[in-house]
Amino acid sequence: MTNTTSLWLAALIAAAVGVDLIFDLGWSIFLVRKLTDLIEWLSFWR
């Protein structure tokens, strides 16, 4: 993963959490679970 890709991914995750917090959608727990799944999947392919 290049630095540019990781920065875009971090910005996308931060934007999703920000929208969730602003609009109080209640997706925080869902997003955190999916983020941990993504991290585990990426570490498997490393």
N, C-alpha and C. Protein backbone atom coordinates (compact mmCIF):
# COMPACT_ATOMS: atom_id res chain seq x y z
N MET A 1 0.85 -1.16 0.00
CA MET A 1 0.00 0.00 0.00
C MET A 1 0.90 1.23 0.00
N THR A 2 0.63 2.12 -0.91
CA THR A 2 1.45 3.33 -0.98
C THR A 2 0.96 4.36 0.04
N ASN A 3 1.76 5.38 0.23
CA ASN A 3 1.38 6.43 1.18
C ASN A 3 0.11 7.14 0.72
N THR A 4 -0.01 7.36 -0.57
CA THR A 4 -1.19 8.06 -1.09
C THR A 4 -2.45 7.24 -0.83
N THR A 5 -2.37 5.94 -1.06
CA THR A 5 -3.52 5.07 -0.82
C THR A 5 -3.90 5.05 0.64
N SER A 6 -2.92 4.95 1.51
CA SER A 6 -3.21 4.91 2.94
C SER A 6 -3.80 6.22 3.43
N LEU A 7 -3.35 7.33 2.89
CA LEU A 7 -3.92 8.62 3.28
C LEU A 7 -5.36 8.76 2.80
N TRP A 8 -5.66 8.30 1.59
CA TRP A 8 -7.04 8.33 1.10
C TRP A 8 -7.94 7.43 1.93
N LEU A 9 -7.45 6.27 2.30
CA LEU A 9 -8.22 5.35 3.13
C LEU A 9 -8.48 5.95 4.51
N ALA A 10 -7.47 6.56 5.09
CA ALA A 10 -7.64 7.21 6.40
C ALA A 10 -8.63 8.37 6.32
N ALA A 11 -8.56 9.14 5.23
CA ALA A 11 -9.49 10.26 5.05
C ALA A 11 -10.92 9.75 4.87
N LEU A 12 -11.08 8.67 4.14
CA LEU A 12 -12.41 8.09 3.93
C LEU A 12 -13.00 7.58 5.23
N ILE A 13 -12.19 6.91 6.04
CA ILE A 13 -12.65 6.41 7.33
C ILE A 13 -12.99 7.56 8.27
N ALA A 14 -12.14 8.59 8.30
CA ALA A 14 -12.41 9.75 9.15
C ALA A 14 -13.68 10.46 8.72
N ALA A 15 -13.91 10.57 7.41
CA ALA A 15 -15.13 11.22 6.92
C ALA A 15 -16.36 10.41 7.30
N ALA A 16 -16.28 9.09 7.20
CA ALA A 16 -17.41 8.24 7.56
C ALA A 16 -17.74 8.35 9.05
N VAL A 17 -16.72 8.36 9.87
CA VAL A 17 -16.95 8.51 11.32
C VAL A 17 -17.48 9.91 11.63
N GLY A 18 -16.95 10.93 10.95
CA GLY A 18 -17.43 12.29 11.15
C GLY A 18 -18.89 12.46 10.78
N VAL A 19 -19.29 11.89 9.66
CA VAL A 19 -20.70 11.96 9.25
C VAL A 19 -21.57 11.23 10.26
N ASP A 20 -21.09 10.09 10.76
CA ASP A 20 -21.84 9.34 11.75
C ASP A 20 -22.02 10.14 13.03
N LEU A 21 -20.97 10.82 13.46
CA LEU A 21 -21.06 11.61 14.70
C LEU A 21 -21.93 12.85 14.52
N ILE A 22 -21.83 13.49 13.36
CA ILE A 22 -22.61 14.71 13.13
C ILE A 22 -24.10 14.41 13.04
N PHE A 23 -24.45 13.38 12.29
CA PHE A 23 -25.85 13.07 12.07
C PHE A 23 -26.40 12.04 13.05
N ASP A 24 -25.57 11.57 13.96
CA ASP A 24 -25.96 10.61 15.00
C ASP A 24 -26.69 9.41 14.40
N LEU A 25 -26.04 8.77 13.45
CA LEU A 25 -26.66 7.65 12.75
C LEU A 25 -26.55 6.33 13.50
N GLY A 26 -25.64 6.26 14.46
CA GLY A 26 -25.49 5.04 15.25
C GLY A 26 -24.72 3.95 14.54
N TRP A 27 -23.94 4.30 13.55
CA TRP A 27 -23.18 3.31 12.81
C TRP A 27 -21.76 3.16 13.34
N SER A 28 -21.42 3.83 14.42
CA SER A 28 -20.04 3.81 14.92
C SER A 28 -19.56 2.41 15.23
N ILE A 29 -20.38 1.64 15.92
CA ILE A 29 -19.98 0.29 16.29
C ILE A 29 -19.83 -0.57 15.03
N PHE A 30 -20.77 -0.41 14.09
CA PHE A 30 -20.69 -1.14 12.83
C PHE A 30 -19.41 -0.79 12.08
N LEU A 31 -19.09 0.50 12.02
CA LEU A 31 -17.89 0.94 11.31
C LEU A 31 -16.62 0.43 11.98
N VAL A 32 -16.59 0.43 13.29
CA VAL A 32 -15.41 -0.06 14.00
C VAL A 32 -15.22 -1.55 13.77
N ARG A 33 -16.32 -2.30 13.78
CA ARG A 33 -16.21 -3.74 13.52
C ARG A 33 -15.71 -4.00 12.10
N LYS A 34 -16.24 -3.27 11.13
CA LYS A 34 -15.80 -3.46 9.75
C LYS A 34 -14.35 -3.01 9.57
N LEU A 35 -13.95 -1.97 10.28
CA LEU A 35 -12.57 -1.51 10.21
C LEU A 35 -11.62 -2.57 10.76
N THR A 36 -11.98 -3.20 11.86
CA THR A 36 -11.12 -4.25 12.40
C THR A 36 -11.07 -5.44 11.46
N ASP A 37 -12.19 -5.77 10.81
CA ASP A 37 -12.18 -6.84 9.81
C ASP A 37 -11.26 -6.48 8.65
N LEU A 38 -11.30 -5.23 8.21
CA LEU A 38 -10.44 -4.78 7.12
C LEU A 38 -8.97 -4.86 7.51
N ILE A 39 -8.64 -4.47 8.73
CA ILE A 39 -7.26 -4.52 9.20
C ILE A 39 -6.77 -5.96 9.26
N GLU A 40 -7.61 -6.86 9.75
CA GLU A 40 -7.22 -8.27 9.80
C GLU A 40 -7.04 -8.83 8.39
N TRP A 41 -7.91 -8.46 7.46
CA TRP A 41 -7.81 -8.94 6.09
C TRP A 41 -6.54 -8.42 5.43
N LEU A 42 -6.23 -7.15 5.66
CA LEU A 42 -5.00 -6.57 5.08
C LEU A 42 -3.76 -7.20 5.69
N SER A 43 -3.79 -7.48 6.98
CA SER A 43 -2.61 -8.09 7.61
C SER A 43 -2.42 -9.52 7.12
N PHE A 44 -3.49 -10.19 6.73
CA PHE A 44 -3.38 -11.54 6.17
C PHE A 44 -2.65 -11.49 4.82
N TRP A 45 -2.95 -10.50 4.01
CA TRP A 45 -2.34 -10.40 2.68
C TRP A 45 -0.94 -9.79 2.72
N ARG A 46 -0.53 -9.33 3.84
CA ARG A 46 0.81 -8.76 3.97
C ARG A 46 1.78 -9.84 3.91
